[in-house]
């Protein structure tokens, strides 16, 4: 956790930044287990966005006793303890994970799928081939492999795949960052020249999975609505 890239997300917690930098003891962190079902957070300052922040995986509680007892093996199926909708029952590294419905989940009656198989697939072309062989139920989007860009034309023209393709708009921001401390990026005119040379529309239409809008100069970043493409067999469509 000490070297994790998402550490700044917890800096809103009381003393979190100072603890991370070795200036205070971890016992002073603004988190307290009130009882078996309640966690109390004390923040450095008021933050209306905090309820959304704790939905991020950095804030998910971990069983300290299990982690301390089993060390690096604590996440293996034989030892792991979770409080989500599913339990990890099998994990073949670089191959697949199998999850089963957690009967102790607080809304277990709402969980309709008893078992889920996640396959760890090295590339999107293989994932698409497996999907077409009915070996996968869904691919694409953020959680699964994105559809291969080279196959998009075929997918859109295929009589079956084009009906199963779903488009899910998502707000996001993409940008190019410059190191202003090193030449030639320390020159404003160089940065303007690079911004002017980028064909933003082609970048969005071809490279960025098509669809979206871009900002006009002198802005140096591209803000767009990203369309994530994914496939679902017709019989699995919601509604």
Protein backbone atom coordinates (compact mmCIF):
# COMPACT_ATOMS: atom_id res chain seq x y z
CA UNK A 1 0.00 0.00 0.00
CA UNK A 2 2.90 2.33 0.75
CA UNK A 3 3.94 2.43 -2.92
CA UNK A 4 0.45 2.25 -4.41
CA UNK A 5 -0.38 4.85 -7.04
CA UNK A 6 -3.74 5.70 -5.50
CA UNK A 7 -2.40 6.72 -2.09
CA UNK A 8 -3.34 10.43 -2.61
CA UNK A 9 -6.99 9.39 -2.65
CA UNK A 10 -6.84 8.79 1.09
CA UNK A 11 -5.08 12.08 1.91
CA UNK A 12 -8.47 13.56 2.77
CA UNK A 13 -8.43 11.34 5.88
CA UNK A 14 -7.11 12.93 9.06
CA UNK A 15 -3.30 12.59 9.23
CA UNK A 16 -3.17 10.23 6.21
CA UNK A 17 -0.62 12.28 4.26
CA UNK A 18 1.63 12.78 7.29
CA UNK A 19 1.49 9.06 8.08
CA UNK A 20 2.34 8.14 4.49
CA UNK A 21 5.32 10.49 4.59
CA UNK A 22 6.53 8.97 7.86
CA UNK A 23 5.81 12.05 9.96
CA UNK A 24 3.12 10.52 12.20
CA UNK A 25 2.20 7.13 13.63
CA UNK A 26 -0.40 5.05 11.78
CA UNK A 27 -2.49 4.88 14.95
CA UNK A 28 -3.41 8.54 14.35
CA UNK A 29 -5.19 7.83 11.05
CA UNK A 30 -8.72 9.24 10.99
CA UNK A 31 -10.43 5.85 10.69
CA UNK A 32 -12.08 3.99 13.56
CA UNK A 33 -14.13 0.80 13.75
CA UNK A 34 -17.03 1.77 15.99
CA UNK A 35 -18.39 -1.78 16.02
CA UNK A 36 -18.52 -4.83 13.75
CA UNK A 37 -20.75 -3.01 11.27
CA UNK A 38 -19.74 0.65 11.54
CA UNK A 39 -16.65 2.56 10.39
CA UNK A 40 -16.08 6.19 11.36
CA UNK A 41 -13.99 8.51 9.18
CA UNK A 42 -12.48 11.80 10.35
CA UNK A 43 -11.42 14.10 7.52
CA UNK A 44 -8.83 16.83 7.21
CA UNK A 45 -11.55 19.15 5.92
CA UNK A 46 -15.15 19.11 4.77
CA UNK A 47 -15.52 17.11 1.54
CA UNK A 48 -18.97 16.70 0.01
CA UNK A 49 -17.53 14.21 -2.51
CA UNK A 50 -16.29 11.82 0.19
CA UNK A 51 -19.24 9.36 -0.05
CA UNK A 52 -18.38 8.86 -3.73
CA UNK A 53 -14.69 8.56 -2.92
CA UNK A 54 -15.18 5.64 -0.53
CA UNK A 55 -16.75 3.61 -3.34
CA UNK A 56 -13.27 3.37 -4.87
CA UNK A 57 -11.40 0.13 -4.13
CA UNK A 58 -8.71 1.97 -2.15
CA UNK A 59 -11.26 2.34 0.66
CA UNK A 60 -12.49 -1.24 0.74
CA UNK A 61 -11.92 -2.78 4.19
CA UNK A 62 -9.45 -5.63 4.49
CA UNK A 63 -9.39 -8.30 7.23
CA UNK A 64 -6.26 -7.30 9.14
CA UNK A 65 -5.96 -10.56 11.08
CA UNK A 66 -6.11 -12.62 7.88
CA UNK A 67 -3.54 -10.42 6.13
CA UNK A 68 -1.16 -10.62 9.09
CA UNK A 69 -1.61 -14.38 9.49
CA UNK A 70 -1.17 -15.43 5.85
CA UNK A 71 0.93 -12.60 4.44
CA UNK A 72 1.11 -12.59 0.64
CA UNK A 73 -1.17 -15.64 0.51
CA UNK A 74 -4.11 -13.96 2.23
CA UNK A 75 -5.93 -13.34 -1.08
CA UNK A 76 -5.90 -17.01 -2.12
CA UNK A 77 -9.29 -18.80 -2.16
CA UNK A 78 -8.46 -20.85 0.94
CA UNK A 79 -7.90 -17.76 3.12
CA UNK A 80 -9.52 -14.70 1.58
CA UNK A 81 -12.43 -13.07 3.41
CA UNK A 82 -14.68 -10.64 1.56
CA UNK A 83 -17.99 -8.89 2.18
CA UNK A 84 -19.20 -8.46 -1.41
CA UNK A 85 -21.86 -10.21 -3.46
CA UNK A 86 -19.53 -13.07 -4.42
CA UNK A 87 -16.88 -15.30 -2.86
CA UNK A 88 -13.68 -16.35 -4.60
CA UNK A 89 -13.69 -20.14 -4.93
CA UNK A 90 -11.01 -20.76 -7.54
CA UNK A 91 -8.09 -18.74 -8.90
CA UNK A 92 -5.80 -20.09 -11.60
CA UNK A 93 -3.24 -17.37 -12.14
CA UNK A 94 -3.09 -16.01 -15.69
CA UNK A 95 -6.06 -18.24 -16.55
CA UNK A 96 -9.35 -17.66 -14.74
CA UNK A 97 -11.20 -16.87 -11.52
CA UNK A 98 -14.44 -18.48 -10.38
CA UNK A 99 -16.79 -16.66 -8.03
CA UNK A 100 -19.88 -18.03 -6.33
CA UNK A 101 -22.77 -16.19 -4.75
CA UNK A 102 -22.05 -15.09 -1.19
CA UNK A 103 -24.93 -16.31 1.03
CA UNK A 104 -23.87 -13.85 3.75
CA UNK A 105 -24.09 -10.79 1.52
CA UNK A 106 -26.58 -8.28 2.96
CA UNK A 107 -28.62 -8.28 -0.26
CA UNK A 108 -28.03 -11.91 -1.23
CA UNK A 109 -31.63 -12.28 -2.39
CA UNK A 110 -30.94 -9.67 -5.08
CA UNK A 111 -28.01 -11.63 -6.54
CA UNK A 112 -29.50 -13.66 -9.39
CA UNK A 113 -26.38 -15.21 -10.93
CA UNK A 114 -25.07 -18.07 -8.73
CA UNK A 115 -21.61 -18.40 -10.29
CA UNK A 116 -19.37 -16.19 -12.42
CA UNK A 117 -16.32 -17.25 -14.46
CA UNK A 118 -13.76 -14.55 -15.25
CA UNK A 119 -11.24 -15.54 -17.91
CA UNK A 120 -7.87 -13.81 -18.02
CA UNK A 121 -7.33 -13.31 -21.74
CA UNK A 122 -4.09 -11.82 -23.12
CA UNK A 123 -5.57 -9.83 -26.01
CA UNK A 124 -8.86 -8.51 -27.34
CA UNK A 125 -8.74 -10.43 -30.64
CA UNK A 126 -8.68 -13.73 -28.77
CA UNK A 127 -11.50 -12.50 -26.53
CA UNK A 128 -13.63 -11.68 -29.59
CA UNK A 129 -12.96 -15.12 -31.08
CA UNK A 130 -14.00 -16.78 -27.81
CA UNK A 131 -17.14 -14.65 -27.71
CA UNK A 132 -18.12 -15.76 -31.21
CA UNK A 133 -17.66 -19.39 -30.14
CA UNK A 134 -20.04 -18.79 -27.20
CA UNK A 135 -17.17 -19.27 -24.75
CA UNK A 136 -17.75 -15.77 -23.30
CA UNK A 137 -20.99 -13.97 -22.50
CA UNK A 138 -19.67 -10.42 -22.67
CA UNK A 139 -16.56 -8.53 -23.79
CA UNK A 140 -15.73 -4.86 -24.20
CA UNK A 141 -16.26 -1.79 -22.05
CA UNK A 142 -14.00 -0.83 -19.16
CA UNK A 143 -14.17 -4.04 -17.15
CA UNK A 144 -13.53 -6.47 -19.99
CA UNK A 145 -11.25 -6.38 -23.04
CA UNK A 146 -12.10 -3.52 -25.38
CA UNK A 147 -13.18 -4.66 -28.80
CA UNK A 148 -10.20 -4.78 -31.20
CA UNK A 149 -10.06 -1.62 -33.28
CA UNK A 150 -9.09 -3.65 -36.36
CA UNK A 151 -12.37 -5.59 -36.10
CA UNK A 152 -14.75 -2.66 -35.66
CA UNK A 153 -15.71 -2.46 -39.35
CA UNK A 154 -16.49 -6.17 -39.45
CA UNK A 155 -18.45 -6.02 -36.20
CA UNK A 156 -20.60 -3.16 -37.49
CA UNK A 157 -21.35 -4.98 -40.74
CA UNK A 158 -21.85 -8.47 -39.30
CA UNK A 159 -25.62 -9.23 -39.16
CA UNK A 160 -25.33 -10.81 -35.70
CA UNK A 161 -22.58 -8.79 -34.02
CA UNK A 162 -23.96 -5.42 -35.08
CA UNK A 163 -27.21 -6.22 -33.25
CA UNK A 164 -25.37 -7.36 -30.14
CA UNK A 165 -23.08 -4.34 -30.05
CA UNK A 166 -24.11 -1.89 -27.35
CA UNK A 167 -22.76 1.65 -26.96
CA UNK A 168 -22.41 3.03 -23.46
CA UNK A 169 -21.51 6.77 -23.39
CA UNK A 170 -19.15 7.84 -20.64
CA UNK A 171 -17.79 11.24 -19.69
CA UNK A 172 -14.02 11.36 -19.49
CA UNK A 173 -11.06 13.58 -20.26
CA UNK A 174 -7.98 12.69 -22.29
CA UNK A 175 -4.95 14.96 -22.54
CA UNK A 176 -1.29 15.18 -23.45
CA UNK A 177 1.01 16.36 -20.69
CA UNK A 178 4.32 18.16 -21.22
CA UNK A 179 7.40 18.29 -19.01
CA UNK A 180 7.89 22.04 -18.93
CA UNK A 181 11.26 21.71 -17.22
CA UNK A 182 13.03 20.23 -20.24
CA UNK A 183 13.53 21.59 -23.76
CA UNK A 184 11.95 21.87 -26.20
CA UNK A 185 8.71 21.65 -24.21
CA UNK A 186 9.75 24.61 -22.07
CA UNK A 187 8.97 26.83 -25.08
CA UNK A 188 5.37 28.00 -25.33
CA UNK A 189 5.49 28.24 -29.13
CA UNK A 190 6.64 24.61 -29.38
CA UNK A 191 3.69 23.46 -27.29
CA UNK A 192 1.31 25.55 -29.39
CA UNK A 193 2.79 24.07 -32.57
CA UNK A 194 2.25 20.52 -31.30
CA UNK A 195 -1.33 21.33 -30.31
CA UNK A 196 -2.01 22.84 -33.74
CA UNK A 197 -0.45 19.86 -35.55
CA UNK A 198 -2.67 17.26 -33.88
CA UNK A 199 -5.66 16.24 -35.99
CA UNK A 200 -8.07 16.00 -33.07
CA UNK A 201 -11.04 14.77 -35.07
CA UNK A 202 -9.08 11.89 -36.60
CA UNK A 203 -7.61 11.10 -33.19
CA UNK A 204 -11.11 10.74 -31.75
CA UNK A 205 -12.68 8.95 -34.73
CA UNK A 206 -9.91 6.44 -35.39
CA UNK A 207 -7.65 6.09 -32.35
CA UNK A 208 -10.11 6.77 -29.54
CA UNK A 209 -12.77 4.26 -30.55
CA UNK A 210 -14.83 6.80 -32.46
CA UNK A 211 -17.30 9.34 -31.19
CA UNK A 212 -16.82 12.38 -28.98
CA UNK A 213 -16.02 16.08 -29.02
CA UNK A 214 -12.80 18.01 -28.66
CA UNK A 215 -11.90 21.41 -27.21
CA UNK A 216 -10.67 24.25 -29.36
CA UNK A 217 -7.22 25.90 -29.09
CA UNK A 218 -5.57 27.34 -27.09
CA UNK A 219 -6.50 24.45 -24.79
CA UNK A 220 -3.94 21.64 -24.82
CA UNK A 221 -6.18 18.79 -23.82
CA UNK A 222 -9.05 16.94 -25.40
CA UNK A 223 -12.33 16.58 -23.53
CA UNK A 224 -14.83 14.15 -24.97
CA UNK A 225 -17.64 11.73 -24.31
CA UNK A 226 -16.04 8.35 -24.73
CA UNK A 227 -18.12 5.56 -26.25
CA UNK A 228 -17.23 2.14 -24.90
CA UNK A 229 -18.32 -0.70 -27.15
CA UNK A 230 -19.27 -4.09 -25.82
CA UNK A 231 -21.18 -7.13 -26.98
CA UNK A 232 -24.03 -8.93 -25.27
CA UNK A 233 -25.97 -11.82 -26.83
CA UNK A 234 -29.52 -10.72 -27.64
CA UNK A 235 -31.02 -13.01 -25.06
CA UNK A 236 -29.02 -11.29 -22.33
CA UNK A 237 -30.06 -7.74 -23.14
CA UNK A 238 -31.60 -5.92 -20.14
CA UNK A 239 -35.38 -5.73 -20.40
